[in-house]
Amino acid sequence: MGGGGDGNLTGDPGLAAIGAKHGKSAAQVMIRWGLQIGIVTIPKSTHKDRIASNADVFDFVLSEGDMAAVAAMNRDRRSGADPETFTF
């Protein structure tokens, strides 16, 4: 799941609703979801306020229902190389 590029979900109303429950943005929900399933998440931004926002994801926990809802948003698209098929 990506926040930018072809996999962009930051405008998804479902993510916005989950974020609103926690007082967080859709991007923060995606970052937190990744952390909770054990994915190393490296958000990218050149904007100071977004960098700070991207780091502000350790003061809430997504419920099992939230986690399932985010996982169900998978569109099998990505904004970068697929780590399972990329030749390093």
N, C-alpha and C. Protein backbone atom coordinates (compact mmCIF):
# COMPACT_ATOMS: atom_id res chain seq x y z
N MET A 1 0.86 -1.17 0.00
CA MET A 1 0.00 0.00 0.00
C MET A 1 0.90 1.22 0.00
N GLY A 2 0.64 2.12 -0.88
CA GLY A 2 1.47 3.31 -0.94
C GLY A 2 0.68 4.58 -0.73
N GLY A 3 1.36 5.56 -0.21
CA GLY A 3 0.74 6.84 -0.01
C GLY A 3 0.83 7.72 -1.24
N GLY A 4 1.89 7.55 -2.00
CA GLY A 4 2.08 8.37 -3.18
C GLY A 4 2.13 7.52 -4.43
N GLY A 5 2.28 8.16 -5.57
CA GLY A 5 2.39 7.43 -6.83
C GLY A 5 1.12 6.72 -7.20
N ASP A 6 1.24 5.64 -7.97
CA ASP A 6 0.10 4.90 -8.49
C ASP A 6 -0.74 4.26 -7.39
N GLY A 7 -0.12 3.96 -6.26
CA GLY A 7 -0.84 3.31 -5.17
C GLY A 7 -1.46 4.29 -4.19
N ASN A 8 -1.64 5.54 -4.57
CA ASN A 8 -2.08 6.59 -3.67
C ASN A 8 -3.44 6.29 -3.03
N LEU A 9 -3.45 6.24 -1.71
CA LEU A 9 -4.68 6.05 -0.95
C LEU A 9 -4.94 7.19 0.01
N THR A 10 -4.13 8.24 -0.01
CA THR A 10 -4.28 9.30 0.98
C THR A 10 -5.62 10.00 0.90
N GLY A 11 -6.31 9.95 -0.23
CA GLY A 11 -7.61 10.58 -0.35
C GLY A 11 -8.77 9.62 -0.12
N ASP A 12 -8.48 8.39 0.28
CA ASP A 12 -9.52 7.40 0.48
C ASP A 12 -10.42 7.77 1.66
N PRO A 13 -11.74 7.83 1.47
CA PRO A 13 -12.63 8.20 2.56
C PRO A 13 -12.59 7.23 3.74
N GLY A 14 -12.33 5.96 3.47
CA GLY A 14 -12.23 4.98 4.56
C GLY A 14 -11.04 5.27 5.46
N LEU A 15 -9.91 5.61 4.86
CA LEU A 15 -8.73 5.97 5.65
C LEU A 15 -8.98 7.26 6.41
N ALA A 16 -9.65 8.21 5.77
CA ALA A 16 -9.96 9.47 6.44
C ALA A 16 -10.84 9.22 7.66
N ALA A 17 -11.81 8.32 7.54
CA ALA A 17 -12.71 8.01 8.66
C ALA A 17 -11.95 7.35 9.81
N ILE A 18 -11.06 6.42 9.48
CA ILE A 18 -10.25 5.78 10.52
C ILE A 18 -9.36 6.83 11.18
N GLY A 19 -8.75 7.67 10.38
CA GLY A 19 -7.90 8.74 10.92
C GLY A 19 -8.68 9.67 11.84
N ALA A 20 -9.90 10.03 11.44
CA ALA A 20 -10.72 10.94 12.24
C ALA A 20 -11.00 10.34 13.63
N LYS A 21 -11.20 9.03 13.69
CA LYS A 21 -11.44 8.37 14.98
C LYS A 21 -10.27 8.57 15.93
N HIS A 22 -9.07 8.66 15.36
CA HIS A 22 -7.85 8.75 16.17
C HIS A 22 -7.24 10.16 16.17
N GLY A 23 -7.86 11.09 15.46
CA GLY A 23 -7.29 12.43 15.36
C GLY A 23 -6.03 12.46 14.52
N LYS A 24 -5.99 11.59 13.49
CA LYS A 24 -4.80 11.45 12.65
C LYS A 24 -5.17 11.57 11.18
N SER A 25 -4.18 11.76 10.34
CA SER A 25 -4.39 11.84 8.89
C SER A 25 -4.40 10.44 8.28
N ALA A 26 -4.86 10.36 7.03
CA ALA A 26 -4.83 9.09 6.31
C ALA A 26 -3.40 8.57 6.19
N ALA A 27 -2.45 9.46 5.94
CA ALA A 27 -1.05 9.03 5.83
C ALA A 27 -0.56 8.44 7.15
N GLN A 28 -0.94 9.06 8.26
CA GLN A 28 -0.53 8.52 9.56
C GLN A 28 -1.16 7.15 9.81
N VAL A 29 -2.39 6.96 9.37
CA VAL A 29 -3.04 5.66 9.52
C VAL A 29 -2.27 4.61 8.72
N MET A 30 -1.88 4.94 7.48
CA MET A 30 -1.12 3.98 6.66
C MET A 30 0.23 3.64 7.30
N ILE A 31 0.90 4.65 7.82
CA ILE A 31 2.19 4.41 8.47
C ILE A 31 2.00 3.53 9.70
N ARG A 32 1.00 3.83 10.51
CA ARG A 32 0.73 3.06 11.73
C ARG A 32 0.35 1.62 11.37
N TRP A 33 -0.46 1.44 10.33
CA TRP A 33 -0.86 0.10 9.90
C TRP A 33 0.39 -0.74 9.56
N GLY A 34 1.29 -0.14 8.79
CA GLY A 34 2.51 -0.84 8.43
C GLY A 34 3.32 -1.23 9.65
N LEU A 35 3.46 -0.31 10.59
CA LEU A 35 4.21 -0.59 11.81
C LEU A 35 3.58 -1.74 12.60
N GLN A 36 2.26 -1.73 12.68
CA GLN A 36 1.58 -2.77 13.46
C GLN A 36 1.66 -4.15 12.84
N ILE A 37 1.87 -4.23 11.52
CA ILE A 37 2.03 -5.56 10.92
C ILE A 37 3.50 -5.92 10.72
N GLY A 38 4.40 -5.05 11.20
CA GLY A 38 5.82 -5.36 11.18
C GLY A 38 6.55 -4.96 9.92
N ILE A 39 5.99 -4.04 9.15
CA ILE A 39 6.66 -3.56 7.93
C ILE A 39 7.49 -2.33 8.28
N VAL A 40 8.74 -2.35 7.88
CA VAL A 40 9.58 -1.18 8.05
C VAL A 40 9.06 -0.11 7.08
N THR A 41 8.62 1.00 7.64
CA THR A 41 8.01 2.05 6.85
C THR A 41 8.92 3.26 6.81
N ILE A 42 9.25 3.72 5.61
CA ILE A 42 10.11 4.88 5.46
C ILE A 42 9.34 5.93 4.66
N PRO A 43 8.58 6.77 5.35
CA PRO A 43 7.83 7.80 4.63
C PRO A 43 8.77 8.86 4.08
N LYS A 44 8.38 9.46 2.98
CA LYS A 44 9.22 10.46 2.31
C LYS A 44 8.47 11.78 2.22
N SER A 45 9.16 12.84 2.53
CA SER A 45 8.63 14.18 2.32
C SER A 45 9.77 15.18 2.37
N THR A 46 9.58 16.28 1.69
CA THR A 46 10.54 17.38 1.77
C THR A 46 9.96 18.53 2.58
N HIS A 47 8.73 18.36 3.07
CA HIS A 47 8.04 19.40 3.83
C HIS A 47 8.19 19.13 5.32
N LYS A 48 8.72 20.11 6.04
CA LYS A 48 9.00 19.95 7.47
C LYS A 48 7.76 19.50 8.26
N ASP A 49 6.60 20.09 7.98
CA ASP A 49 5.39 19.73 8.72
C ASP A 49 4.96 18.29 8.45
N ARG A 50 5.13 17.82 7.22
CA ARG A 50 4.77 16.42 6.90
C ARG A 50 5.76 15.44 7.51
N ILE A 51 7.02 15.82 7.55
CA ILE A 51 8.02 14.95 8.19
C ILE A 51 7.66 14.76 9.66
N ALA A 52 7.31 15.86 10.33
CA ALA A 52 6.92 15.77 11.74
C ALA A 52 5.65 14.94 11.90
N SER A 53 4.68 15.14 11.02
CA SER A 53 3.43 14.39 11.06
C SER A 53 3.67 12.90 10.84
N ASN A 54 4.55 12.58 9.90
CA ASN A 54 4.86 11.17 9.61
C ASN A 54 5.47 10.46 10.81
N ALA A 55 6.16 11.21 11.67
CA ALA A 55 6.79 10.62 12.85
C ALA A 55 5.82 10.54 14.03
N ASP A 56 4.69 11.21 13.95
CA ASP A 56 3.73 11.28 15.05
C ASP A 56 2.70 10.15 14.96
N VAL A 57 3.20 8.91 15.04
CA VAL A 57 2.31 7.75 14.88
C VAL A 57 2.45 6.74 16.02
N PHE A 58 3.06 7.18 17.11
CA PHE A 58 3.31 6.25 18.22
C PHE A 58 2.39 6.50 19.42
N ASP A 59 1.41 7.38 19.26
CA ASP A 59 0.52 7.69 20.37
C ASP A 59 -0.90 7.13 20.16
N PHE A 60 -1.04 6.21 19.21
CA PHE A 60 -2.33 5.55 18.99
C PHE A 60 -2.09 4.16 18.45
N VAL A 61 -3.11 3.32 18.58
CA VAL A 61 -3.05 1.95 18.09
C VAL A 61 -4.33 1.70 17.30
N LEU A 62 -4.18 1.12 16.13
CA LEU A 62 -5.35 0.76 15.33
C LEU A 62 -5.98 -0.51 15.88
N SER A 63 -7.29 -0.53 15.96
CA SER A 63 -8.01 -1.72 16.44
C SER A 63 -7.92 -2.83 15.38
N GLU A 64 -8.34 -4.02 15.78
CA GLU A 64 -8.37 -5.13 14.82
C GLU A 64 -9.28 -4.79 13.64
N GLY A 65 -10.40 -4.14 13.92
CA GLY A 65 -11.32 -3.74 12.85
C GLY A 65 -10.69 -2.72 11.91
N ASP A 66 -9.98 -1.74 12.49
CA ASP A 66 -9.27 -0.75 11.67
C ASP A 66 -8.22 -1.43 10.80
N MET A 67 -7.48 -2.35 11.42
CA MET A 67 -6.42 -3.06 10.69
C MET A 67 -7.01 -3.84 9.52
N ALA A 68 -8.11 -4.53 9.75
CA ALA A 68 -8.76 -5.31 8.69
C ALA A 68 -9.28 -4.39 7.59
N ALA A 69 -9.85 -3.25 7.98
CA ALA A 69 -10.39 -2.31 6.99
C ALA A 69 -9.27 -1.76 6.10
N VAL A 70 -8.13 -1.43 6.70
CA VAL A 70 -7.01 -0.92 5.90
C VAL A 70 -6.49 -2.02 4.99
N ALA A 71 -6.33 -3.23 5.51
CA ALA A 71 -5.84 -4.35 4.69
C ALA A 71 -6.76 -4.61 3.51
N ALA A 72 -8.07 -4.42 3.70
CA ALA A 72 -9.03 -4.66 2.63
C ALA A 72 -8.95 -3.61 1.53
N MET A 73 -8.24 -2.53 1.77
CA MET A 73 -8.08 -1.48 0.76
C MET A 73 -6.98 -1.80 -0.25
N ASN A 74 -6.31 -2.91 -0.07
CA ASN A 74 -5.23 -3.30 -0.98
C ASN A 74 -5.72 -3.31 -2.42
N ARG A 75 -5.00 -2.62 -3.27
CA ARG A 75 -5.35 -2.57 -4.70
C ARG A 75 -4.27 -3.22 -5.56
N ASP A 76 -3.33 -3.90 -4.92
CA ASP A 76 -2.22 -4.55 -5.62
C ASP A 76 -1.49 -3.59 -6.55
N ARG A 77 -1.30 -2.36 -6.10
CA ARG A 77 -0.51 -1.37 -6.82
C ARG A 77 0.57 -0.87 -5.89
N ARG A 78 1.63 -0.36 -6.45
CA ARG A 78 2.69 0.20 -5.64
C ARG A 78 3.33 1.36 -6.36
N SER A 79 4.03 2.19 -5.59
CA SER A 79 4.69 3.34 -6.19
C SER A 79 6.18 3.09 -6.39
N GLY A 80 6.67 1.93 -5.98
CA GLY A 80 8.07 1.59 -6.16
C GLY A 80 8.19 0.13 -6.59
N ALA A 81 9.41 -0.34 -6.59
CA ALA A 81 9.67 -1.72 -7.00
C ALA A 81 9.07 -2.71 -6.01
N ASP A 82 8.65 -3.86 -6.50
CA ASP A 82 8.13 -4.92 -5.66
C ASP A 82 9.32 -5.64 -5.04
N PRO A 83 9.44 -5.61 -3.71
CA PRO A 83 10.61 -6.24 -3.07
C PRO A 83 10.66 -7.75 -3.26
N GLU A 84 9.54 -8.37 -3.63
CA GLU A 84 9.53 -9.81 -3.83
C GLU A 84 10.06 -10.21 -5.20
N THR A 85 10.09 -9.26 -6.15
CA THR A 85 10.56 -9.58 -7.50
C THR A 85 11.76 -8.73 -7.93
N PHE A 86 12.13 -7.74 -7.12
CA PHE A 86 13.24 -6.85 -7.47
C PHE A 86 14.57 -7.58 -7.35
N THR A 87 15.44 -7.42 -8.34
CA THR A 87 16.78 -8.02 -8.30
C THR A 87 17.73 -7.01 -7.67
N PHE A 88 18.24 -7.36 -6.51
CA PHE A 88 19.16 -6.46 -5.79
C PHE A 88 20.57 -6.62 -6.27
